[in-house]
């Protein structure tokens, strides 16, 4: 069974980063899942994101600001069997602020 890795982008949050920085409006993260196909792996990954207690406050920040958090797969990879056997570190989150031209609808270019 192949292992799939997804680069995910979440938008629709409003998280205070402190220190006078602009609030984060989204983040990138990676997740992996073993499945018979990419659609099933994506379903597993999205279920894990929804159940992740560390993301609860991040998603709540969006809801509290009247936003609707949305996660999409930006890229999908099949991980070689030998690499899938290596230890997988817990993925982090890379937040980004609103650096658009003022319309607030996208990550920085």
N, C-alpha and C. Protein backbone atom coordinates (compact mmCIF):
# COMPACT_ATOMS: atom_id res chain seq x y z
N UNK A 1 0.86 -1.18 0.00
CA UNK A 1 0.00 0.00 0.00
C UNK A 1 0.90 1.24 0.00
N UNK A 2 0.69 2.16 -0.93
CA UNK A 2 1.55 3.34 -0.99
C UNK A 2 1.29 4.33 0.16
N UNK A 3 2.32 5.13 0.42
CA UNK A 3 2.21 6.21 1.39
C UNK A 3 2.18 7.52 0.60
N UNK A 4 1.17 8.34 0.89
CA UNK A 4 1.00 9.62 0.23
C UNK A 4 1.36 10.74 1.19
N UNK A 5 2.00 11.76 0.66
CA UNK A 5 2.29 12.95 1.45
C UNK A 5 1.63 14.14 0.77
N UNK A 6 0.98 14.96 1.57
CA UNK A 6 0.25 16.11 1.07
C UNK A 6 0.85 17.40 1.63
N UNK A 7 1.06 18.39 0.77
CA UNK A 7 1.33 19.73 1.22
C UNK A 7 -0.02 20.42 1.27
N UNK A 8 -0.43 20.83 2.46
CA UNK A 8 -1.76 21.39 2.68
C UNK A 8 -1.67 22.88 2.96
N UNK A 9 -2.66 23.61 2.46
CA UNK A 9 -2.78 25.04 2.75
C UNK A 9 -4.15 25.27 3.39
N UNK A 10 -4.12 25.93 4.54
CA UNK A 10 -5.36 26.30 5.22
C UNK A 10 -5.49 27.80 5.19
N UNK A 11 -6.65 28.28 4.78
CA UNK A 11 -6.97 29.70 4.78
C UNK A 11 -8.20 29.90 5.66
N UNK A 12 -8.57 31.15 5.89
CA UNK A 12 -9.77 31.43 6.68
C UNK A 12 -9.54 31.38 8.17
N UNK A 13 -8.32 31.77 8.60
CA UNK A 13 -8.05 31.88 10.03
C UNK A 13 -7.64 33.31 10.31
N UNK A 14 -7.61 33.68 11.56
CA UNK A 14 -7.15 35.01 11.97
C UNK A 14 -6.49 34.83 13.33
N UNK A 15 -5.20 34.50 13.29
CA UNK A 15 -4.47 34.14 14.50
C UNK A 15 -3.49 35.23 14.87
N UNK A 16 -3.61 35.76 16.07
CA UNK A 16 -2.70 36.80 16.55
C UNK A 16 -1.32 36.20 16.76
N UNK A 17 -0.32 36.75 16.07
CA UNK A 17 1.06 36.27 16.19
C UNK A 17 1.84 37.04 17.25
N UNK A 18 1.25 38.08 17.80
CA UNK A 18 1.91 38.85 18.85
C UNK A 18 3.02 39.74 18.32
N UNK A 19 3.68 40.44 19.21
CA UNK A 19 4.81 41.32 18.90
C UNK A 19 4.51 42.33 17.81
N UNK A 20 3.26 42.78 17.71
CA UNK A 20 2.89 43.80 16.74
C UNK A 20 2.84 43.33 15.30
N UNK A 21 2.95 42.04 15.08
CA UNK A 21 2.88 41.51 13.71
C UNK A 21 1.44 41.41 13.25
N UNK A 22 1.28 41.45 11.94
CA UNK A 22 -0.06 41.27 11.36
C UNK A 22 -0.55 39.86 11.70
N UNK A 23 -1.85 39.67 11.91
CA UNK A 23 -2.35 38.33 12.23
C UNK A 23 -2.16 37.37 11.06
N UNK A 24 -1.98 36.11 11.39
CA UNK A 24 -1.85 35.07 10.36
C UNK A 24 -3.23 34.81 9.76
N UNK A 25 -3.29 34.73 8.44
CA UNK A 25 -4.56 34.44 7.77
C UNK A 25 -4.58 33.03 7.19
N UNK A 26 -3.46 32.31 7.33
CA UNK A 26 -3.40 30.95 6.82
C UNK A 26 -2.11 30.27 7.22
N UNK A 27 -2.01 28.99 6.87
CA UNK A 27 -0.78 28.25 7.15
C UNK A 27 -0.62 27.11 6.16
N UNK A 28 0.62 26.63 6.07
CA UNK A 28 0.96 25.43 5.30
C UNK A 28 1.43 24.36 6.27
N UNK A 29 1.18 23.11 5.93
CA UNK A 29 1.65 21.98 6.71
C UNK A 29 1.72 20.76 5.79
N UNK A 30 2.41 19.73 6.23
CA UNK A 30 2.47 18.46 5.49
C UNK A 30 1.87 17.36 6.34
N UNK A 31 1.23 16.42 5.70
CA UNK A 31 0.68 15.25 6.38
C UNK A 31 0.86 14.03 5.48
N UNK A 32 0.96 12.85 6.10
CA UNK A 32 1.12 11.59 5.37
C UNK A 32 0.03 10.61 5.77
N UNK A 33 -0.26 9.70 4.83
CA UNK A 33 -1.20 8.61 5.11
C UNK A 33 -0.94 7.46 4.15
N UNK A 34 -1.10 6.24 4.66
CA UNK A 34 -1.04 5.05 3.82
C UNK A 34 -2.46 4.73 3.38
N UNK A 35 -2.61 4.49 2.09
CA UNK A 35 -3.94 4.17 1.56
C UNK A 35 -3.78 3.54 0.18
N UNK A 36 -4.84 2.94 -0.29
CA UNK A 36 -4.79 2.29 -1.60
C UNK A 36 -4.78 3.30 -2.75
N UNK A 37 -5.28 4.53 -2.49
CA UNK A 37 -5.25 5.56 -3.53
C UNK A 37 -5.19 6.94 -2.87
N UNK A 38 -4.94 7.96 -3.69
CA UNK A 38 -4.75 9.31 -3.15
C UNK A 38 -6.03 9.88 -2.54
N UNK A 39 -7.19 9.54 -3.08
CA UNK A 39 -8.45 10.05 -2.53
C UNK A 39 -8.68 9.53 -1.11
N UNK A 40 -8.41 8.25 -0.91
CA UNK A 40 -8.56 7.66 0.43
C UNK A 40 -7.52 8.26 1.39
N UNK A 41 -6.29 8.45 0.92
CA UNK A 41 -5.25 9.05 1.76
C UNK A 41 -5.64 10.47 2.15
N UNK A 42 -6.20 11.22 1.20
CA UNK A 42 -6.64 12.59 1.48
C UNK A 42 -7.74 12.59 2.53
N UNK A 43 -8.66 11.67 2.43
CA UNK A 43 -9.74 11.57 3.42
C UNK A 43 -9.16 11.29 4.82
N UNK A 44 -8.18 10.40 4.90
CA UNK A 44 -7.53 10.07 6.18
C UNK A 44 -6.83 11.30 6.75
N UNK A 45 -6.08 11.99 5.89
CA UNK A 45 -5.33 13.17 6.32
C UNK A 45 -6.27 14.27 6.81
N UNK A 46 -7.34 14.51 6.08
CA UNK A 46 -8.28 15.55 6.49
C UNK A 46 -8.97 15.20 7.80
N UNK A 47 -9.28 13.92 8.00
CA UNK A 47 -9.85 13.49 9.26
C UNK A 47 -8.89 13.71 10.42
N UNK A 48 -7.61 13.46 10.17
CA UNK A 48 -6.59 13.67 11.20
C UNK A 48 -6.44 15.16 11.52
N UNK A 49 -6.53 16.00 10.49
CA UNK A 49 -6.46 17.45 10.73
C UNK A 49 -7.64 17.91 11.58
N UNK A 50 -8.83 17.43 11.27
CA UNK A 50 -10.03 17.81 12.04
C UNK A 50 -9.94 17.35 13.49
N UNK A 51 -9.28 16.21 13.72
CA UNK A 51 -9.20 15.65 15.06
C UNK A 51 -7.98 16.12 15.86
N UNK A 52 -7.09 16.88 15.25
CA UNK A 52 -5.85 17.32 15.90
C UNK A 52 -6.16 18.38 16.96
N UNK A 53 -5.95 18.06 18.24
CA UNK A 53 -6.27 19.03 19.29
C UNK A 53 -5.41 20.29 19.24
N UNK A 54 -4.22 20.20 18.65
CA UNK A 54 -3.35 21.36 18.55
C UNK A 54 -3.87 22.38 17.51
N UNK A 55 -4.73 21.93 16.61
CA UNK A 55 -5.28 22.84 15.60
C UNK A 55 -6.62 23.43 16.03
N UNK A 56 -7.15 22.95 17.13
CA UNK A 56 -8.47 23.40 17.60
C UNK A 56 -8.53 24.92 17.77
N UNK A 57 -7.53 25.51 18.45
CA UNK A 57 -7.51 26.95 18.68
C UNK A 57 -7.30 27.73 17.39
N UNK A 58 -6.51 27.16 16.47
CA UNK A 58 -6.26 27.82 15.20
C UNK A 58 -7.56 27.93 14.41
N UNK A 59 -8.29 26.82 14.31
CA UNK A 59 -9.55 26.84 13.58
C UNK A 59 -10.59 27.71 14.30
N UNK A 60 -10.59 27.67 15.62
CA UNK A 60 -11.53 28.49 16.39
C UNK A 60 -11.29 29.98 16.14
N UNK A 61 -10.01 30.36 15.96
CA UNK A 61 -9.69 31.78 15.71
C UNK A 61 -10.40 32.27 14.44
N UNK A 62 -10.46 31.40 13.45
CA UNK A 62 -11.16 31.77 12.21
C UNK A 62 -12.65 31.90 12.42
N UNK A 63 -13.22 30.92 13.11
CA UNK A 63 -14.67 30.96 13.38
C UNK A 63 -15.03 32.20 14.21
N UNK A 64 -14.18 32.51 15.22
CA UNK A 64 -14.45 33.67 16.07
C UNK A 64 -14.40 34.97 15.29
N UNK A 65 -13.60 35.01 14.21
CA UNK A 65 -13.48 36.21 13.38
C UNK A 65 -14.52 36.23 12.27
N UNK A 66 -15.44 35.26 12.28
CA UNK A 66 -16.48 35.21 11.26
C UNK A 66 -16.00 34.61 9.95
N UNK A 67 -14.88 33.90 10.00
CA UNK A 67 -14.31 33.29 8.80
C UNK A 67 -14.65 31.81 8.76
N UNK A 68 -14.34 31.21 7.64
CA UNK A 68 -14.59 29.78 7.48
C UNK A 68 -13.28 29.10 7.06
N UNK A 69 -12.57 28.47 8.01
CA UNK A 69 -11.32 27.81 7.66
C UNK A 69 -11.53 26.75 6.57
N UNK A 70 -10.59 26.72 5.62
CA UNK A 70 -10.68 25.80 4.50
C UNK A 70 -9.28 25.25 4.21
N UNK A 71 -9.18 23.93 4.09
CA UNK A 71 -7.89 23.29 3.81
C UNK A 71 -7.96 22.58 2.48
N UNK A 72 -6.92 22.80 1.65
CA UNK A 72 -6.82 22.13 0.36
C UNK A 72 -5.43 21.53 0.22
N UNK A 73 -5.32 20.52 -0.62
CA UNK A 73 -4.02 19.93 -0.94
C UNK A 73 -3.41 20.73 -2.08
N UNK A 74 -2.26 21.31 -1.83
CA UNK A 74 -1.55 22.08 -2.84
C UNK A 74 -0.73 21.13 -3.72
N UNK A 75 -0.12 20.12 -3.10
CA UNK A 75 0.66 19.13 -3.83
C UNK A 75 0.46 17.77 -3.17
N UNK A 76 0.56 16.73 -3.98
CA UNK A 76 0.44 15.35 -3.49
C UNK A 76 1.62 14.55 -4.03
N UNK A 77 2.27 13.79 -3.14
CA UNK A 77 3.42 12.98 -3.53
C UNK A 77 3.17 11.54 -3.10
N UNK A 78 3.71 10.60 -3.86
CA UNK A 78 3.80 9.22 -3.39
C UNK A 78 5.20 9.06 -2.83
N UNK A 79 5.29 8.66 -1.58
CA UNK A 79 6.57 8.51 -0.90
C UNK A 79 7.14 7.13 -1.24
N UNK A 80 8.42 7.03 -1.65
CA UNK A 80 9.02 5.72 -1.92
C UNK A 80 8.95 4.83 -0.67
N UNK A 81 8.81 3.54 -0.85
CA UNK A 81 8.63 2.61 0.26
C UNK A 81 9.74 2.74 1.29
N UNK A 82 10.99 2.91 0.84
CA UNK A 82 12.10 2.98 1.78
C UNK A 82 12.06 4.27 2.60
N UNK A 83 11.57 5.36 2.01
CA UNK A 83 11.47 6.61 2.75
C UNK A 83 10.30 6.58 3.72
N UNK A 84 9.25 5.88 3.34
CA UNK A 84 8.08 5.76 4.22
C UNK A 84 8.42 4.99 5.49
N UNK A 85 9.48 4.18 5.43
CA UNK A 85 9.89 3.40 6.61
C UNK A 85 10.69 4.24 7.60
N UNK A 86 11.23 5.38 7.16
CA UNK A 86 12.00 6.24 8.06
C UNK A 86 11.05 6.93 9.04
N UNK A 87 11.56 7.27 10.22
CA UNK A 87 10.69 7.96 11.19
C UNK A 87 10.15 9.27 10.62
N UNK A 88 8.90 9.55 10.89
CA UNK A 88 8.23 10.76 10.42
C UNK A 88 8.02 11.66 11.61
N UNK A 89 8.65 12.81 11.56
CA UNK A 89 8.48 13.78 12.65
C UNK A 89 7.10 14.42 12.58
N UNK A 90 6.59 14.80 13.72
CA UNK A 90 5.31 15.49 13.75
C UNK A 90 5.45 16.77 12.93
N UNK A 91 4.58 16.97 11.94
CA UNK A 91 4.70 18.15 11.09
C UNK A 91 4.36 19.44 11.83
N UNK A 92 5.03 20.48 11.43
CA UNK A 92 4.76 21.80 12.00
C UNK A 92 3.82 22.59 11.12
N UNK A 93 3.61 23.82 11.52
CA UNK A 93 2.74 24.74 10.78
C UNK A 93 3.57 25.96 10.39
N UNK A 94 3.45 26.41 9.15
CA UNK A 94 4.10 27.63 8.69
C UNK A 94 3.00 28.65 8.44
N UNK A 95 2.87 29.60 9.36
CA UNK A 95 1.83 30.62 9.27
C UNK A 95 2.28 31.76 8.35
N UNK A 96 1.32 32.41 7.70
CA UNK A 96 1.63 33.59 6.92
C UNK A 96 0.59 34.67 7.18
N UNK A 97 1.06 35.94 7.21
CA UNK A 97 0.14 37.06 7.42
C UNK A 97 -0.46 37.52 6.09
N UNK A 98 -1.41 38.42 6.18
CA UNK A 98 -2.02 39.01 4.99
C UNK A 98 -1.07 40.07 4.44
N UNK A 99 -0.40 39.74 3.35
CA UNK A 99 0.51 40.69 2.70
C UNK A 99 0.03 41.00 1.30
N UNK A 100 -1.26 40.81 1.08
CA UNK A 100 -1.83 41.11 -0.23
C UNK A 100 -1.99 42.62 -0.39
N UNK A 101 -2.60 43.01 -1.46
CA UNK A 101 -2.77 44.44 -1.74
C UNK A 101 -3.97 45.04 -1.02
N UNK A 102 -4.40 44.38 0.05
CA UNK A 102 -5.48 44.95 0.84
C UNK A 102 -6.80 44.22 0.71
N UNK A 103 -6.91 43.31 -0.26
CA UNK A 103 -8.19 42.61 -0.39
C UNK A 103 -8.26 41.40 0.52
N UNK A 104 -7.14 40.99 1.13
CA UNK A 104 -7.14 39.94 2.13
C UNK A 104 -7.52 38.57 1.65
N UNK A 105 -7.29 38.27 0.38
CA UNK A 105 -7.74 36.97 -0.09
C UNK A 105 -6.62 36.07 -0.59
N UNK A 106 -5.46 36.14 0.01
CA UNK A 106 -4.45 35.22 -0.46
C UNK A 106 -3.14 35.31 0.29
N UNK A 107 -2.32 34.27 0.13
CA UNK A 107 -1.01 34.26 0.77
C UNK A 107 -0.07 35.18 0.02
N UNK A 108 1.05 35.50 0.64
CA UNK A 108 2.02 36.33 -0.05
C UNK A 108 2.56 35.63 -1.28
N UNK A 109 2.90 36.38 -2.29
CA UNK A 109 3.45 35.81 -3.53
C UNK A 109 4.94 35.64 -3.39
